[in-house]
Amino acid sequence: MTSRDDAAAAPNRFARTEGRTWGYDPKAVDAFFDRVEATLQGQPSGEIPDDAVRAQDVRDVAFGRAHGGYDPSEVDPALDRAEDDLVEREGQQFLRQHGREAWEERITELTDLVFGRLQRSDGERFRTPAGASTRGYARADVDALCHEIVEDLSRHETVDPDRIRTAVFGPAVGADSYEEQQVDAFLDRTVELLLTLR
């Protein structure tokens, strides 16, 4: 938990929640964004250092909670912007190190993965949770988003990655649900593809 003295001692990177409202642990958030900034300010050429933050790290990061912590409504968009910047940087590094042909092969593989899943039949795009009573995402909601993405891309319209990042699916169980972890992993790959194609 962050004390009042800690909060007053250092400038806030983001606005804090009020009173006893839960927010993200400021120390954890600050430490992560310090690493992001160090990565983005480093030399863009050469090998990526082992301690560098990657776009995948941004997608995977989870912060502990703290009363009066950083407001998630400010931190989450900043994470999205960091992911955007890191994807662009990683793409440039990949091009320098491996060349245009390898880059195009990489995009083709990612496109095939995403579209292969999108073009599956409704109700069959992802696994059903293993337990009959395990809650997952409502299949109808996930399938509806997949249809929207396919329609926009088939019309050569730009799909805003934030539309996928902020997608909300209702809960469901059994045959009416998809396994949350598999859906989340696929949506991460879809966002990666959209950012790469910008």
Protein backbone atom coordinates (compact mmCIF):
# COMPACT_ATOMS: atom_id res chain seq x y z
CA MET A 1 0.00 0.00 0.00
CA THR A 2 1.26 3.50 -0.78
CA SER A 3 1.43 5.88 2.17
CA ARG A 4 0.55 9.57 2.06
CA ASP A 5 4.22 10.36 2.68
CA ASP A 6 5.25 8.27 -0.35
CA ALA A 7 2.62 9.97 -2.49
CA ALA A 8 3.85 13.43 -1.49
CA ALA A 9 7.55 12.62 -1.87
CA ALA A 10 7.56 12.04 -5.63
CA PRO A 11 5.70 13.63 -8.53
CA ASN A 12 2.86 11.59 -9.89
CA ARG A 13 3.22 10.20 -13.39
CA PHE A 14 -0.56 9.76 -13.61
CA ALA A 15 -3.60 11.07 -11.75
CA ARG A 16 -4.53 9.14 -8.63
CA THR A 17 -7.86 7.71 -7.63
CA GLU A 18 -9.62 9.54 -4.82
CA GLY A 19 -10.00 8.42 -1.24
CA ARG A 20 -10.13 4.68 -0.72
CA THR A 21 -10.80 3.90 -4.37
CA TRP A 22 -8.52 1.21 -5.78
CA GLY A 23 -5.98 2.14 -8.42
CA TYR A 24 -2.77 0.67 -9.80
CA ASP A 25 0.24 0.44 -7.48
CA PRO A 26 2.21 3.62 -8.34
CA LYS A 27 5.62 2.10 -7.58
CA ALA A 28 5.01 -0.82 -9.94
CA VAL A 29 3.63 1.46 -12.66
CA ASP A 30 6.52 3.92 -12.37
CA ALA A 31 9.10 1.13 -12.45
CA PHE A 32 7.55 -0.37 -15.58
CA PHE A 33 7.28 2.95 -17.42
CA ASP A 34 10.87 3.77 -16.46
CA ARG A 35 11.89 0.60 -18.31
CA VAL A 36 9.67 1.47 -21.27
CA GLU A 37 11.21 4.93 -21.55
CA ALA A 38 14.75 3.55 -21.24
CA THR A 39 14.00 1.09 -24.05
CA LEU A 40 12.53 3.74 -26.35
CA GLN A 41 15.39 6.15 -25.67
CA GLY A 42 18.05 3.53 -26.35
CA GLN A 43 19.82 3.01 -29.63
CA PRO A 44 17.34 1.60 -32.18
CA SER A 45 20.01 -0.33 -34.08
CA GLY A 46 21.62 -3.64 -33.18
CA GLU A 47 20.37 -6.43 -30.97
CA ILE A 48 17.59 -5.77 -28.48
CA PRO A 49 19.06 -5.90 -24.94
CA ASP A 50 17.79 -8.66 -22.68
CA ASP A 51 16.37 -6.12 -20.22
CA ALA A 52 14.54 -4.13 -22.92
CA VAL A 53 10.76 -3.95 -22.75
CA ARG A 54 8.99 -5.55 -25.70
CA ALA A 55 5.49 -4.96 -27.00
CA GLN A 56 4.50 -8.37 -25.62
CA ASP A 57 5.63 -7.27 -22.15
CA VAL A 58 3.22 -4.34 -22.35
CA ARG A 59 0.37 -6.67 -23.32
CA ASP A 60 1.18 -9.03 -20.45
CA VAL A 61 1.87 -6.56 -17.65
CA ALA A 62 -0.41 -6.59 -14.61
CA PHE A 63 -0.12 -4.16 -11.71
CA GLY A 64 -1.07 -4.69 -8.10
CA ARG A 65 -3.75 -2.54 -6.53
CA ALA A 66 -3.43 0.31 -4.05
CA HIS A 67 -5.92 2.65 -2.41
CA GLY A 68 -5.41 6.07 -3.96
CA GLY A 69 -3.23 4.51 -6.65
CA TYR A 70 -2.85 5.56 -10.25
CA ASP A 71 -6.12 5.90 -12.14
CA PRO A 72 -6.44 2.96 -14.59
CA SER A 73 -8.29 5.20 -17.06
CA GLU A 74 -5.03 7.14 -17.49
CA VAL A 75 -2.55 4.27 -17.23
CA ASP A 76 -4.26 1.92 -19.70
CA PRO A 77 -4.19 4.36 -22.68
CA ALA A 78 -0.54 5.12 -21.89
CA LEU A 79 0.19 1.39 -22.08
CA ASP A 80 -1.53 1.26 -25.47
CA ARG A 81 0.64 4.13 -26.73
CA ALA A 82 3.74 2.40 -25.39
CA GLU A 83 2.77 -0.78 -27.23
CA ASP A 84 2.29 1.21 -30.45
CA ASP A 85 5.76 2.75 -30.13
CA LEU A 86 7.42 -0.55 -29.27
CA VAL A 87 5.80 -2.42 -32.17
CA GLU A 88 7.08 0.24 -34.56
CA ARG A 89 10.56 0.11 -33.05
CA GLU A 90 10.68 -3.68 -33.13
CA GLY A 91 9.57 -3.66 -36.76
CA GLN A 92 12.36 -1.27 -37.71
CA GLN A 93 14.90 -3.40 -35.85
CA PHE A 94 13.65 -6.56 -37.55
CA LEU A 95 13.95 -4.94 -40.98
CA ARG A 96 17.52 -3.80 -40.31
CA GLN A 97 18.61 -7.17 -38.99
CA HIS A 98 16.76 -9.54 -41.33
CA GLY A 99 15.78 -7.60 -44.44
CA ARG A 100 12.59 -6.86 -46.34
CA GLU A 101 11.95 -10.42 -47.53
CA ALA A 102 12.01 -11.85 -44.00
CA TRP A 103 9.81 -8.97 -42.84
CA GLU A 104 7.21 -9.72 -45.50
CA GLU A 105 7.29 -13.42 -44.60
CA ARG A 106 6.68 -12.51 -40.98
CA ILE A 107 3.68 -10.35 -41.91
CA THR A 108 2.31 -13.12 -44.13
CA GLU A 109 2.56 -15.66 -41.29
CA LEU A 110 0.81 -13.31 -38.88
CA THR A 111 -1.89 -12.48 -41.44
CA ASP A 112 -2.50 -16.17 -42.14
CA LEU A 113 -2.78 -16.88 -38.41
CA VAL A 114 -5.28 -14.08 -37.80
CA PHE A 115 -7.42 -14.61 -40.88
CA GLY A 116 -7.38 -18.36 -40.50
CA ARG A 117 -9.04 -17.94 -37.11
CA LEU A 118 -11.39 -15.16 -38.21
CA GLN A 119 -12.72 -17.20 -41.12
CA ARG A 120 -13.73 -20.20 -39.00
CA SER A 121 -17.43 -20.86 -38.51
CA ASP A 122 -19.36 -19.22 -35.69
CA GLY A 123 -19.08 -21.26 -32.53
CA GLU A 124 -15.87 -22.94 -33.70
CA ARG A 125 -13.29 -20.17 -33.58
CA PHE A 126 -11.94 -20.99 -30.13
CA ARG A 127 -11.97 -23.72 -27.50
CA THR A 128 -14.76 -24.21 -25.01
CA PRO A 129 -13.56 -23.94 -21.37
CA ALA A 130 -12.49 -27.32 -20.00
CA GLY A 131 -14.87 -27.32 -17.04
CA ALA A 132 -18.59 -27.43 -17.75
CA SER A 133 -19.18 -24.69 -15.17
CA THR A 134 -16.06 -22.64 -16.00
CA ARG A 135 -16.96 -19.14 -17.11
CA GLY A 136 -15.72 -17.89 -20.44
CA TYR A 137 -16.55 -15.22 -22.99
CA ALA A 138 -19.96 -15.37 -24.66
CA ARG A 139 -19.43 -16.98 -28.06
CA ALA A 140 -21.99 -14.73 -29.74
CA ASP A 141 -20.14 -11.59 -28.60
CA VAL A 142 -16.73 -12.84 -29.72
CA ASP A 143 -18.09 -14.07 -33.06
CA ALA A 144 -19.79 -10.70 -33.63
CA LEU A 145 -16.49 -8.85 -33.16
CA CYS A 146 -14.76 -11.27 -35.54
CA HIS A 147 -17.42 -10.56 -38.19
CA GLU A 148 -16.92 -6.82 -37.78
CA ILE A 149 -13.15 -7.12 -38.21
CA VAL A 150 -13.49 -9.30 -41.31
CA GLU A 151 -16.02 -6.92 -42.88
CA ASP A 152 -13.87 -3.85 -42.27
CA LEU A 153 -10.70 -5.50 -43.56
CA SER A 154 -12.47 -6.92 -46.62
CA ARG A 155 -13.56 -3.37 -47.48
CA HIS A 156 -9.94 -2.25 -46.94
CA GLU A 157 -11.03 -0.07 -44.06
CA THR A 158 -8.65 0.70 -41.23
CA VAL A 159 -9.48 -1.10 -38.00
CA ASP A 160 -8.55 0.91 -34.91
CA PRO A 161 -6.56 -1.37 -32.55
CA ASP A 162 -8.28 0.31 -29.62
CA ARG A 163 -11.56 -1.15 -30.82
CA ILE A 164 -10.13 -4.59 -30.09
CA ARG A 165 -8.25 -3.59 -26.96
CA THR A 166 -11.42 -2.23 -25.37
CA ALA A 167 -13.79 -4.98 -26.55
CA VAL A 168 -16.04 -6.30 -23.80
CA PHE A 169 -17.66 -9.74 -23.95
CA GLY A 170 -20.47 -10.98 -21.80
CA PRO A 171 -19.90 -14.01 -19.53
CA ALA A 172 -21.13 -17.47 -20.47
CA VAL A 173 -20.52 -21.11 -19.56
CA GLY A 174 -20.45 -24.42 -21.38
CA ALA A 175 -21.22 -24.60 -25.10
CA ASP A 176 -22.15 -20.91 -25.17
CA SER A 177 -18.64 -19.80 -24.20
CA TYR A 178 -15.09 -19.55 -25.50
CA GLU A 179 -11.98 -20.00 -23.36
CA GLU A 180 -10.89 -16.54 -22.24
CA GLN A 181 -7.13 -17.16 -22.45
CA GLN A 182 -7.27 -18.35 -26.06
CA VAL A 183 -9.46 -15.43 -27.14
CA ASP A 184 -7.18 -12.93 -25.38
CA ALA A 185 -4.07 -14.40 -27.03
CA PHE A 186 -5.71 -14.19 -30.45
CA LEU A 187 -6.82 -10.59 -29.91
CA ASP A 188 -3.22 -9.72 -28.97
CA ARG A 189 -2.03 -11.17 -32.29
CA THR A 190 -4.74 -9.23 -34.13
CA VAL A 191 -3.66 -5.96 -32.52
CA GLU A 192 -0.05 -6.78 -33.39
CA LEU A 193 -1.04 -7.31 -37.04
CA LEU A 194 -3.03 -4.06 -37.20
CA LEU A 195 -0.14 -2.10 -35.71
CA THR A 196 2.34 -3.76 -38.07
CA LEU A 197 0.25 -2.89 -41.14
CA ARG A 198 -0.06 0.79 -40.24
